[in-house]
Amino acid sequence: MPRGDKSAYTDKQKRMAEHIEEGYEKRGLPEEEAERRAWATVNKETGGGKKSGSGRGRPMNKEPSRTGGQRGGAASAARPASARSASAKKAAASRSPAERSAAAKKAAATRKANAARKAG
């Protein structure tokens, strides 16, 4: 099997790589680099391609995705508070009351889930 052959991966791993690659491309990475990083992330999380034999299963390590998510907020955090506030006000002005209500409910549910996770 030549290097780079993806036939040893499960369908789920292939879907994961595709989704991760799209995210990288949205953030402006070249297609080739996005694909390379996506497969590196899948390998890190799942331990590589399919492996035969009983008892070979291992839990997924989601830390690589989590790390990327944490780094993703760094650009926003680097902006001055006044710029972030202006963006938020502009976005809020363009939303309908129904959208605001849905966003508020989602935020409340997230806060509740985070508090429960922190407590237990």
C-alpha atoms as a PDB file:
ATOM      1  CA  MET A   1       0.000   0.000   0.000  1.00  0.00           C
ATOM      2  CA  PRO A   2       1.592   3.308  -1.056  1.00  0.00           C
ATOM      3  CA  ARG A   3       2.063   6.149   1.383  1.00  0.00           C
ATOM      4  CA  GLY A   4      -1.006   8.350   1.534  1.00  0.00           C
ATOM      5  CA  ASP A   5      -3.413   5.543   0.569  1.00  0.00           C
ATOM      6  CA  LYS A   6      -6.641   6.044   2.529  1.00  0.00           C
ATOM      7  CA  SER A   7      -8.181   2.589   1.907  1.00  0.00           C
ATOM      8  CA  ALA A   8      -7.288   1.472   5.448  1.00  0.00           C
ATOM      9  CA  TYR A   9      -9.527   4.110   7.034  1.00  0.00           C
ATOM     10  CA  THR A  10     -13.155   3.643   8.077  1.00  0.00           C
ATOM     11  CA  ASP A  11     -15.948   5.628   6.450  1.00  0.00           C
ATOM     12  CA  LYS A  12     -16.339   7.576   9.687  1.00  0.00           C
ATOM     13  CA  GLN A  13     -12.658   8.552   9.679  1.00  0.00           C
ATOM     14  CA  LYS A  14     -12.954   9.691   6.067  1.00  0.00           C
ATOM     15  CA  ARG A  15     -16.010  11.826   6.919  1.00  0.00           C
ATOM     16  CA  MET A  16     -14.182  13.304   9.894  1.00  0.00           C
ATOM     17  CA  ALA A  17     -11.202  14.255   7.736  1.00  0.00           C
ATOM     18  CA  GLU A  18     -13.484  15.827   5.122  1.00  0.00           C
ATOM     19  CA  HIS A  19     -15.271  17.926   7.740  1.00  0.00           C
ATOM     20  CA  ILE A  20     -12.042  19.029   9.435  1.00  0.00           C
ATOM     21  CA  GLU A  21     -10.539  19.909   6.048  1.00  0.00           C
ATOM     22  CA  GLU A  22     -13.540  22.121   5.199  1.00  0.00           C
ATOM     23  CA  GLY A  23     -13.041  23.976   8.460  1.00  0.00           C
ATOM     24  CA  TYR A  24      -9.390  24.638   7.687  1.00  0.00           C
ATOM     25  CA  GLU A  25     -10.245  25.830   4.177  1.00  0.00           C
ATOM     26  CA  LYS A  26     -12.857  28.232   5.563  1.00  0.00           C
ATOM     27  CA  ARG A  27     -10.106  29.708   7.698  1.00  0.00           C
ATOM     28  CA  GLY A  28      -8.034  30.394   4.571  1.00  0.00           C
ATOM     29  CA  LEU A  29      -5.578  27.501   4.392  1.00  0.00           C
ATOM     30  CA  PRO A  30      -4.567  26.164   0.984  1.00  0.00           C
ATOM     31  CA  GLU A  31      -6.385  22.958   0.003  1.00  0.00           C
ATOM     32  CA  GLU A  32      -3.298  20.735   0.230  1.00  0.00           C
ATOM     33  CA  GLU A  33      -2.288  22.014   3.668  1.00  0.00           C
ATOM     34  CA  ALA A  34      -5.879  21.709   4.930  1.00  0.00           C
ATOM     35  CA  GLU A  35      -6.007  18.076   3.797  1.00  0.00           C
ATOM     36  CA  ARG A  36      -2.650  17.289   5.426  1.00  0.00           C
ATOM     37  CA  ARG A  37      -3.729  18.806   8.742  1.00  0.00           C
ATOM     38  CA  ALA A  38      -7.132  17.122   8.608  1.00  0.00           C
ATOM     39  CA  TRP A  39      -5.626  13.650   8.245  1.00  0.00           C
ATOM     40  CA  ALA A  40      -3.055  14.408  10.940  1.00  0.00           C
ATOM     41  CA  THR A  41      -5.909  15.320  13.281  1.00  0.00           C
ATOM     42  CA  VAL A  42      -7.859  12.154  12.425  1.00  0.00           C
ATOM     43  CA  ASN A  43      -4.740  10.037  13.017  1.00  0.00           C
ATOM     44  CA  LYS A  44      -4.107  11.724  16.358  1.00  0.00           C
ATOM     45  CA  GLU A  45      -7.720  11.320  17.494  1.00  0.00           C
ATOM     46  CA  THR A  46      -8.429   7.776  16.304  1.00  0.00           C
ATOM     47  CA  GLY A  47      -4.983   6.195  16.197  1.00  0.00           C
ATOM     48  CA  GLY A  48      -4.857   5.773  12.419  1.00  0.00           C
ATOM     49  CA  GLY A  49      -6.691   3.400  10.085  1.00  0.00           C
ATOM     50  CA  LYS A  50      -8.655   0.199  10.719  1.00  0.00           C
ATOM     51  CA  LYS A  51      -6.954  -2.466  12.767  1.00  0.00           C
ATOM     52  CA  SER A  52      -8.104  -6.062  12.870  1.00  0.00           C
ATOM     53  CA  GLY A  53      -8.315  -8.229  15.952  1.00  0.00           C
ATOM     54  CA  SER A  54     -10.397  -8.408  19.073  1.00  0.00           C
ATOM     55  CA  GLY A  55      -9.669  -5.919  21.830  1.00  0.00           C
ATOM     56  CA  ARG A  56      -7.876  -3.440  19.581  1.00  0.00           C
ATOM     57  CA  GLY A  57     -10.439  -0.680  20.089  1.00  0.00           C
ATOM     58  CA  ARG A  58      -9.315   2.463  21.868  1.00  0.00           C
ATOM     59  CA  PRO A  59     -11.328   5.489  22.965  1.00  0.00           C
ATOM     60  CA  MET A  60     -11.048   8.575  20.786  1.00  0.00           C
ATOM     61  CA  ASN A  61      -8.717  11.315  21.964  1.00  0.00           C
ATOM     62  CA  LYS A  62     -10.597  14.558  21.259  1.00  0.00           C
ATOM     63  CA  GLU A  63      -7.853  16.820  22.597  1.00  0.00           C
ATOM     64  CA  PRO A  64      -6.502  17.836  19.134  1.00  0.00           C
ATOM     65  CA  SER A  65      -9.923  19.222  18.100  1.00  0.00           C
ATOM     66  CA  ARG A  66     -10.362  20.925  21.428  1.00  0.00           C
ATOM     67  CA  THR A  67      -6.945  22.566  21.131  1.00  0.00           C
ATOM     68  CA  GLY A  68      -7.830  23.903  17.688  1.00  0.00           C
ATOM     69  CA  GLY A  69     -11.061  25.346  19.034  1.00  0.00           C
ATOM     70  CA  GLN A  70      -9.265  27.092  21.875  1.00  0.00           C
ATOM     71  CA  ARG A  71      -6.707  28.594  19.507  1.00  0.00           C
ATOM     72  CA  GLY A  72      -9.480  29.711  17.175  1.00  0.00           C
ATOM     73  CA  GLY A  73     -10.720  32.254  19.724  1.00  0.00           C
ATOM     74  CA  ALA A  74      -7.315  33.891  20.064  1.00  0.00           C
ATOM     75  CA  ALA A  75      -7.868  36.260  17.125  1.00  0.00           C
ATOM     76  CA  SER A  76     -11.074  37.575  18.636  1.00  0.00           C
ATOM     77  CA  ALA A  77      -9.501  37.939  22.068  1.00  0.00           C
ATOM     78  CA  ALA A  78      -6.640  39.941  20.569  1.00  0.00           C
ATOM     79  CA  ARG A  79      -9.044  42.627  19.306  1.00  0.00           C
ATOM     80  CA  PRO A  80      -9.775  45.568  21.606  1.00  0.00           C
ATOM     81  CA  ALA A  81     -12.954  45.332  23.665  1.00  0.00           C
ATOM     82  CA  SER A  82     -14.422  48.348  21.871  1.00  0.00           C
ATOM     83  CA  ALA A  83     -14.104  46.606  18.489  1.00  0.00           C
ATOM     84  CA  ARG A  84     -15.707  43.401  19.814  1.00  0.00           C
ATOM     85  CA  SER A  85     -18.518  45.410  21.375  1.00  0.00           C
ATOM     86  CA  ALA A  86     -19.170  47.330  18.154  1.00  0.00           C
ATOM     87  CA  SER A  87     -19.358  44.063  16.202  1.00  0.00           C
ATOM     88  CA  ALA A  88     -21.775  42.585  18.716  1.00  0.00           C
ATOM     89  CA  LYS A  89     -24.028  45.661  18.609  1.00  0.00           C
ATOM     90  CA  LYS A  90     -24.070  45.638  14.818  1.00  0.00           C
ATOM     91  CA  ALA A  91     -24.968  41.930  14.742  1.00  0.00           C
ATOM     92  CA  ALA A  92     -27.690  42.347  17.363  1.00  0.00           C
ATOM     93  CA  ALA A  93     -29.292  45.205  15.448  1.00  0.00           C
ATOM     94  CA  SER A  94     -29.670  43.053  12.340  1.00  0.00           C
ATOM     95  CA  ARG A  95     -31.418  40.115  14.083  1.00  0.00           C
ATOM     96  CA  SER A  96     -35.169  39.619  14.413  1.00  0.00           C
ATOM     97  CA  PRO A  97     -36.820  39.217  17.836  1.00  0.00           C
ATOM     98  CA  ALA A  98     -37.326  35.488  17.159  1.00  0.00           C
ATOM     99  CA  GLU A  99     -33.616  35.034  16.433  1.00  0.00           C
ATOM    100  CA  ARG A 100     -32.695  36.948  19.603  1.00  0.00           C
ATOM    101  CA  SER A 101     -35.012  34.755  21.656  1.00  0.00           C
ATOM    102  CA  ALA A 102     -33.546  31.556  20.198  1.00  0.00           C
ATOM    103  CA  ALA A 103     -29.999  32.779  20.829  1.00  0.00           C
ATOM    104  CA  ALA A 104     -30.849  33.693  24.429  1.00  0.00           C
ATOM    105  CA  LYS A 105     -32.339  30.233  25.062  1.00  0.00           C
ATOM    106  CA  LYS A 106     -29.293  28.550  23.558  1.00  0.00           C
ATOM    107  CA  ALA A 107     -26.939  30.679  25.674  1.00  0.00           C
ATOM    108  CA  ALA A 108     -28.912  29.853  28.832  1.00  0.00           C
ATOM    109  CA  ALA A 109     -28.769  26.126  28.043  1.00  0.00           C
ATOM    110  CA  THR A 110     -25.027  26.347  27.440  1.00  0.00           C
ATOM    111  CA  ARG A 111     -24.459  28.168  30.729  1.00  0.00           C
ATOM    112  CA  LYS A 112     -26.530  25.548  32.564  1.00  0.00           C
ATOM    113  CA  ALA A 113     -24.626  22.657  30.941  1.00  0.00           C
ATOM    114  CA  ASN A 114     -21.267  24.279  31.716  1.00  0.00           C
ATOM    115  CA  ALA A 115     -22.256  24.835  35.343  1.00  0.00           C
ATOM    116  CA  ALA A 116     -23.374  21.209  35.665  1.00  0.00           C
ATOM    117  CA  ARG A 117     -20.135  19.991  34.073  1.00  0.00           C
ATOM    118  CA  LYS A 118     -18.071  22.157  36.407  1.00  0.00           C
ATOM    119  CA  ALA A 119     -19.998  21.039  39.509  1.00  0.00           C
ATOM    120  CA  GLY A 120     -19.970  17.323  38.738  1.00  0.00           C
END
